[in-house]
């Protein structure tokens, strides 16, 4: 094992309260495959909605708390994009997953995961423009450019349908730039690189105050099921229950209250019966888009 390997492994033992932990987690998120998991280590996969830095800042406190509460090291992981994250999830690479509702539906129905909890505040997507722009409704964006976080994001699927209903088909009446995260999409508008962007409500709330104030919402989706925590069925029994209880304990803690206030998640709760049924159509559209990729003939249907 190299010196760098040992260093990163030490920094990524997330039960340790080191100031180097956020930096180490960034190394892991952007350099996947550098390390192998320790035998007693659990992988916590968080879908790549946020930039790497913001993701680590957001979820490091939860990871630390869970590890200390259940007495087992957790490692924060993600992927470069939604498709890679989906493939890793469906391959069972993560023990605990926090993911978007349509990805959660697929993980539950076809990936060997069981839903644990969902954030209490519903998800939704926004189309945003600069506050000083002349655009007031989606139809005003004809011939303009819209930045999107990822073509597979549920809010993108919903909002591109909304744009199409206004006669703005992506790639035809409106140009599309895929920028990798909701944070990046918002920044593209704020920095005048695009006229509009698609941004989810939770990343929108995490934007720097000056940037958020510099953006105006001109359209939004109806409420959607929020982000879902799922556990792989190999952890069924006591370990599954201990993770569920620990997540709830974190949300009720002082640190968890700060986490919820900062991110607008509204706590956690059990999913309602058939709640994820609302996004089954989005999940099937997601699979269609995955399968339309070059070399994706073997994608599970």
Protein backbone atom coordinates (compact mmCIF):
# COMPACT_ATOMS: atom_id res chain seq x y z
CA UNK A 1 0.00 0.00 0.00
CA UNK A 2 1.45 3.39 -1.03
CA UNK A 3 1.99 6.32 1.33
CA UNK A 4 -0.80 8.26 -0.45
CA UNK A 5 -3.12 5.25 -0.12
CA UNK A 6 -2.47 5.08 3.63
CA UNK A 7 -2.93 8.85 3.97
CA UNK A 8 -6.26 8.92 2.18
CA UNK A 9 -7.55 5.89 4.05
CA UNK A 10 -6.69 7.53 7.36
CA UNK A 11 -8.36 10.78 6.35
CA UNK A 12 -11.46 8.99 5.16
CA UNK A 13 -12.11 7.15 8.39
CA UNK A 14 -15.15 9.29 8.84
CA UNK A 15 -15.61 8.62 12.52
CA UNK A 16 -12.59 10.84 13.16
CA UNK A 17 -13.42 14.53 13.65
CA UNK A 18 -10.50 15.88 11.63
CA UNK A 19 -10.41 19.14 9.74
CA UNK A 20 -8.90 17.14 6.89
CA UNK A 21 -12.00 14.97 6.49
CA UNK A 22 -13.81 17.22 3.96
CA UNK A 23 -10.63 17.48 1.84
CA UNK A 24 -10.07 13.72 2.02
CA UNK A 25 -13.66 13.05 1.02
CA UNK A 26 -13.19 15.31 -2.00
CA UNK A 27 -10.17 13.19 -3.00
CA UNK A 28 -12.30 10.05 -2.76
CA UNK A 29 -15.26 11.47 -4.68
CA UNK A 30 -13.18 12.72 -7.59
CA UNK A 31 -10.74 9.78 -7.65
CA UNK A 32 -12.99 6.68 -7.44
CA UNK A 33 -11.28 3.32 -7.34
CA UNK A 34 -8.13 4.63 -5.63
CA UNK A 35 -8.88 2.64 -2.49
CA UNK A 36 -10.55 -0.62 -1.59
CA UNK A 37 -13.16 -0.69 1.18
CA UNK A 38 -12.06 -1.96 4.58
CA UNK A 39 -13.72 -5.28 5.52
CA UNK A 40 -16.01 -3.69 8.13
CA UNK A 41 -16.67 -0.47 6.23
CA UNK A 42 -20.07 0.56 4.87
CA UNK A 43 -20.39 2.60 1.69
CA UNK A 44 -22.88 5.47 1.74
CA UNK A 45 -23.69 6.50 -1.83
CA UNK A 46 -25.14 9.99 -2.37
CA UNK A 47 -26.38 10.80 -5.86
CA UNK A 48 -24.41 13.52 -7.67
CA UNK A 49 -26.85 16.40 -7.45
CA UNK A 50 -24.40 18.85 -5.91
CA UNK A 51 -20.84 19.81 -6.71
CA UNK A 52 -18.29 17.62 -4.93
CA UNK A 53 -17.31 20.33 -2.44
CA UNK A 54 -20.91 21.16 -1.51
CA UNK A 55 -21.82 17.47 -1.26
CA UNK A 56 -19.03 16.83 1.23
CA UNK A 57 -19.89 19.93 3.25
CA UNK A 58 -23.55 18.86 3.33
CA UNK A 59 -23.28 15.16 4.17
CA UNK A 60 -20.07 14.86 6.18
CA UNK A 61 -21.88 15.61 9.49
CA UNK A 62 -24.47 12.89 8.78
CA UNK A 63 -21.77 10.37 7.84
CA UNK A 64 -19.80 11.12 11.02
CA UNK A 65 -22.90 10.79 13.20
CA UNK A 66 -24.04 7.52 11.63
CA UNK A 67 -20.61 5.95 11.98
CA UNK A 68 -20.33 6.91 15.64
CA UNK A 69 -23.90 5.83 16.44
CA UNK A 70 -23.80 2.37 14.87
CA UNK A 71 -20.14 1.78 15.75
CA UNK A 72 -19.07 1.13 12.17
CA UNK A 73 -17.08 3.24 9.73
CA UNK A 74 -19.03 4.77 6.84
CA UNK A 75 -17.43 6.09 3.69
CA UNK A 76 -19.09 8.79 1.61
CA UNK A 77 -19.15 8.00 -2.09
CA UNK A 78 -20.74 9.36 -5.24
CA UNK A 79 -20.14 9.25 -8.99
CA UNK A 80 -19.32 11.59 -11.85
CA UNK A 81 -22.90 11.56 -13.18
CA UNK A 82 -26.37 10.09 -12.69
CA UNK A 83 -25.86 7.18 -15.09
CA UNK A 84 -22.66 6.03 -13.39
CA UNK A 85 -24.32 6.37 -10.00
CA UNK A 86 -27.32 4.36 -11.24
CA UNK A 87 -25.07 1.57 -12.56
CA UNK A 88 -23.14 1.39 -9.28
CA UNK A 89 -26.36 1.33 -7.30
CA UNK A 90 -27.90 -1.39 -9.45
CA UNK A 91 -24.65 -3.33 -9.07
CA UNK A 92 -25.08 -3.24 -5.29
CA UNK A 93 -21.91 -1.23 -4.67
CA UNK A 94 -23.47 0.89 -1.92
CA UNK A 95 -24.76 -0.35 1.43
CA UNK A 96 -26.77 2.80 2.16
CA UNK A 97 -28.02 5.07 -0.62
CA UNK A 98 -29.53 8.54 -0.71
CA UNK A 99 -30.93 9.18 -4.15
CA UNK A 100 -33.51 10.93 -6.30
CA UNK A 101 -37.04 9.48 -6.30
CA UNK A 102 -36.97 8.01 -9.83
CA UNK A 103 -33.58 6.40 -9.16
CA UNK A 104 -34.96 5.17 -5.83
CA UNK A 105 -37.88 3.51 -7.65
CA UNK A 106 -35.43 1.60 -9.86
CA UNK A 107 -33.18 0.64 -6.94
CA UNK A 108 -36.22 -0.63 -5.04
CA UNK A 109 -37.88 -2.51 -7.89
CA UNK A 110 -34.82 -3.88 -9.67
CA UNK A 111 -31.68 -3.23 -7.62
CA UNK A 112 -32.09 -5.15 -4.38
CA UNK A 113 -32.64 -2.13 -2.13
CA UNK A 114 -35.38 -1.40 0.38
CA UNK A 115 -36.61 2.18 1.05
CA UNK A 116 -35.98 3.35 4.61
CA UNK A 117 -36.93 7.00 4.87
CA UNK A 118 -37.68 10.05 2.74
CA UNK A 119 -37.06 13.73 3.40
CA UNK A 120 -40.21 15.40 4.68
CA UNK A 121 -40.11 18.43 2.39
CA UNK A 122 -41.24 17.59 -1.15
CA UNK A 123 -38.84 17.98 -4.05
CA UNK A 124 -39.52 20.24 -7.01
CA UNK A 125 -37.63 21.75 -9.89
CA UNK A 126 -37.29 25.37 -11.00
CA UNK A 127 -36.50 27.14 -14.23
CA UNK A 128 -34.44 30.16 -13.16
CA UNK A 129 -33.17 33.25 -14.93
CA UNK A 130 -31.20 36.26 -13.74
CA UNK A 131 -33.28 38.79 -11.83
CA UNK A 132 -32.22 41.50 -14.28
CA UNK A 133 -33.23 39.48 -17.35
CA UNK A 134 -36.35 40.26 -19.44
CA UNK A 135 -37.63 36.65 -19.34
CA UNK A 136 -40.90 36.15 -17.44
CA UNK A 137 -42.20 32.77 -18.65
CA UNK A 138 -40.79 29.66 -20.37
CA UNK A 139 -42.05 30.81 -23.78
CA UNK A 140 -39.73 33.82 -23.58
CA UNK A 141 -36.72 31.50 -23.83
CA UNK A 142 -37.18 30.63 -27.51
CA UNK A 143 -33.81 30.72 -29.26
CA UNK A 144 -31.97 30.96 -25.92
CA UNK A 145 -29.73 28.55 -24.00
CA UNK A 146 -30.73 26.64 -20.87
CA UNK A 147 -28.18 24.99 -18.56
CA UNK A 148 -29.25 21.64 -17.10
CA UNK A 149 -27.62 19.67 -14.28
CA UNK A 150 -27.95 16.26 -15.91
CA UNK A 151 -30.34 15.05 -18.58
CA UNK A 152 -31.34 12.21 -16.23
CA UNK A 153 -32.40 14.38 -13.26
CA UNK A 154 -36.10 13.98 -12.44
CA UNK A 155 -36.64 17.74 -12.42
CA UNK A 156 -35.04 17.93 -15.85
CA UNK A 157 -37.34 15.20 -17.18
CA UNK A 158 -40.37 17.06 -15.80
CA UNK A 159 -39.30 20.54 -16.87
CA UNK A 160 -38.23 19.58 -20.39
CA UNK A 161 -41.78 18.26 -20.83
CA UNK A 162 -43.05 21.61 -19.57
CA UNK A 163 -40.83 23.45 -22.05
CA UNK A 164 -42.01 21.19 -24.88
CA UNK A 165 -45.61 22.01 -23.99
CA UNK A 166 -44.68 25.68 -24.60
CA UNK A 167 -43.27 24.73 -28.00
CA UNK A 168 -39.65 24.73 -26.82
CA UNK A 169 -38.18 21.36 -27.70
CA UNK A 170 -34.63 20.98 -26.31
CA UNK A 171 -32.09 21.00 -29.10
CA UNK A 172 -34.49 22.72 -31.50
CA UNK A 173 -36.23 25.85 -30.26
CA UNK A 174 -33.99 26.05 -27.20
CA UNK A 175 -30.30 25.12 -26.90
CA UNK A 176 -29.23 22.91 -24.00
CA UNK A 177 -25.93 22.87 -22.11
CA UNK A 178 -25.38 19.99 -19.67
CA UNK A 179 -23.11 21.18 -16.86
CA UNK A 180 -22.95 18.26 -14.41
CA UNK A 181 -24.69 19.56 -11.29
CA UNK A 182 -27.52 21.84 -10.16
CA UNK A 183 -24.95 24.14 -8.55
CA UNK A 184 -23.13 24.52 -11.86
CA UNK A 185 -26.40 25.12 -13.73
CA UNK A 186 -27.31 28.00 -11.43
CA UNK A 187 -23.80 29.45 -11.75
CA UNK A 188 -24.07 29.37 -15.55
CA UNK A 189 -27.05 31.72 -15.39
CA UNK A 190 -25.62 33.93 -12.69
CA UNK A 191 -22.38 34.32 -14.68
CA UNK A 192 -24.33 35.04 -17.90
CA UNK A 193 -23.14 31.88 -19.68
CA UNK A 194 -26.76 30.76 -20.21
CA UNK A 195 -30.04 32.62 -20.20
CA UNK A 196 -31.81 30.07 -17.99
CA UNK A 197 -31.18 26.95 -15.93
CA UNK A 198 -33.01 24.00 -14.43
CA UNK A 199 -32.29 23.69 -10.70
CA UNK A 200 -33.79 21.51 -7.97
CA UNK A 201 -35.22 23.17 -4.87
CA UNK A 202 -32.64 21.78 -2.42
CA UNK A 203 -29.55 22.79 -4.42
CA UNK A 204 -31.24 26.16 -4.98
CA UNK A 205 -31.50 26.65 -1.22
CA UNK A 206 -27.78 25.77 -0.85
CA UNK A 207 -26.62 28.42 -3.31
CA UNK A 208 -24.56 31.29 -1.91
CA UNK A 209 -26.92 34.05 -0.80
CA UNK A 210 -25.75 36.58 -3.38
CA UNK A 211 -26.22 34.08 -6.22
CA UNK A 212 -29.65 32.97 -5.00
CA UNK A 213 -30.81 36.59 -4.77
CA UNK A 214 -29.54 37.15 -8.30
CA UNK A 215 -31.86 34.48 -9.73
CA UNK A 216 -35.58 34.55 -10.39
CA UNK A 217 -37.91 31.53 -10.73
CA UNK A 218 -40.13 31.63 -13.82
CA UNK A 219 -41.56 28.08 -13.70
CA UNK A 220 -41.63 25.09 -11.38
CA UNK A 221 -42.82 21.49 -11.25
CA UNK A 222 -45.59 20.24 -8.97
CA UNK A 223 -44.36 18.69 -5.72
CA UNK A 224 -42.52 15.38 -6.12
CA UNK A 225 -41.45 12.71 -3.64
CA UNK A 226 -38.23 13.86 -2.06
CA UNK A 227 -34.83 12.18 -1.83
CA UNK A 228 -35.00 8.64 -0.48
CA UNK A 229 -32.70 6.72 1.86
CA UNK A 230 -32.48 3.04 0.87
CA UNK A 231 -30.51 0.16 2.33
CA UNK A 232 -29.29 -2.90 0.46
CA UNK A 233 -31.10 -6.10 1.40
CA UNK A 234 -27.78 -7.70 2.44
CA UNK A 235 -28.03 -5.48 5.54
CA UNK A 236 -31.54 -6.73 6.40
CA UNK A 237 -32.25 -7.13 10.09
CA UNK A 238 -30.43 -5.39 12.92
CA UNK A 239 -28.03 -3.37 10.77
CA UNK A 240 -30.86 -2.01 8.63
CA UNK A 241 -32.83 -1.03 11.71
CA UNK A 242 -29.80 0.54 13.39
CA UNK A 243 -29.17 2.72 10.33
CA UNK A 244 -32.81 3.79 10.18
CA UNK A 245 -32.81 4.72 13.87
CA UNK A 246 -29.47 6.53 13.59
CA UNK A 247 -30.69 8.67 10.68
CA UNK A 248 -33.72 9.68 12.75
CA UNK A 249 -31.53 10.41 15.78
CA UNK A 250 -29.28 12.64 13.70
CA UNK A 251 -32.23 14.66 12.42
CA UNK A 252 -33.36 15.25 16.03
CA UNK A 253 -29.89 16.23 17.24
CA UNK A 254 -28.53 19.78 17.47
CA UNK A 255 -26.20 19.09 14.55
CA UNK A 256 -29.08 17.58 12.59
CA UNK A 257 -31.27 20.63 13.22
CA UNK A 258 -28.57 22.81 11.65
CA UNK A 259 -28.33 20.37 8.73
CA UNK A 260 -32.09 20.53 8.13
CA UNK A 261 -32.31 24.30 8.46
CA UNK A 262 -29.44 24.86 6.05
CA UNK A 263 -30.75 22.47 3.41
CA UNK A 264 -34.53 22.79 3.75
CA UNK A 265 -35.13 19.02 3.91
CA UNK A 266 -37.86 19.19 6.56
CA UNK A 267 -36.76 16.12 8.55
CA UNK A 268 -37.31 12.50 7.56
CA UNK A 269 -40.35 10.22 7.61
CA UNK A 270 -41.49 6.83 6.39
CA UNK A 271 -42.69 6.70 2.80
CA UNK A 272 -46.43 6.63 2.28
CA UNK A 273 -47.99 3.66 0.55
CA UNK A 274 -47.40 3.86 -3.22
CA UNK A 275 -45.66 7.25 -2.84
CA UNK A 276 -42.93 6.30 -5.31
CA UNK A 277 -45.61 5.28 -7.80
CA UNK A 278 -45.75 8.99 -8.66
CA UNK A 279 -42.33 8.77 -10.31
CA UNK A 280 -42.67 5.40 -12.04
CA UNK A 281 -43.21 7.18 -15.37
CA UNK A 282 -40.08 9.29 -14.77
CA UNK A 283 -38.12 6.13 -13.92
CA UNK A 284 -39.19 4.46 -17.16
CA UNK A 285 -38.31 7.61 -19.13
CA UNK A 286 -34.94 7.54 -17.38
CA UNK A 287 -34.35 3.96 -18.53
CA UNK A 288 -35.32 4.94 -22.08
CA UNK A 289 -32.72 7.71 -22.01
CA UNK A 290 -30.09 5.37 -20.59
CA UNK A 291 -30.79 2.82 -23.29
CA UNK A 292 -30.56 5.49 -25.99
CA UNK A 293 -26.90 6.05 -25.10
CA UNK A 294 -24.28 4.55 -27.46
CA UNK A 295 -23.24 1.11 -26.27
CA UNK A 296 -26.15 0.81 -23.83
CA UNK A 297 -27.85 -2.19 -25.46
CA UNK A 298 -27.28 -4.31 -22.39
CA UNK A 299 -28.99 -1.92 -19.98
CA UNK A 300 -31.61 -3.65 -17.88
CA UNK A 301 -35.17 -2.86 -18.91
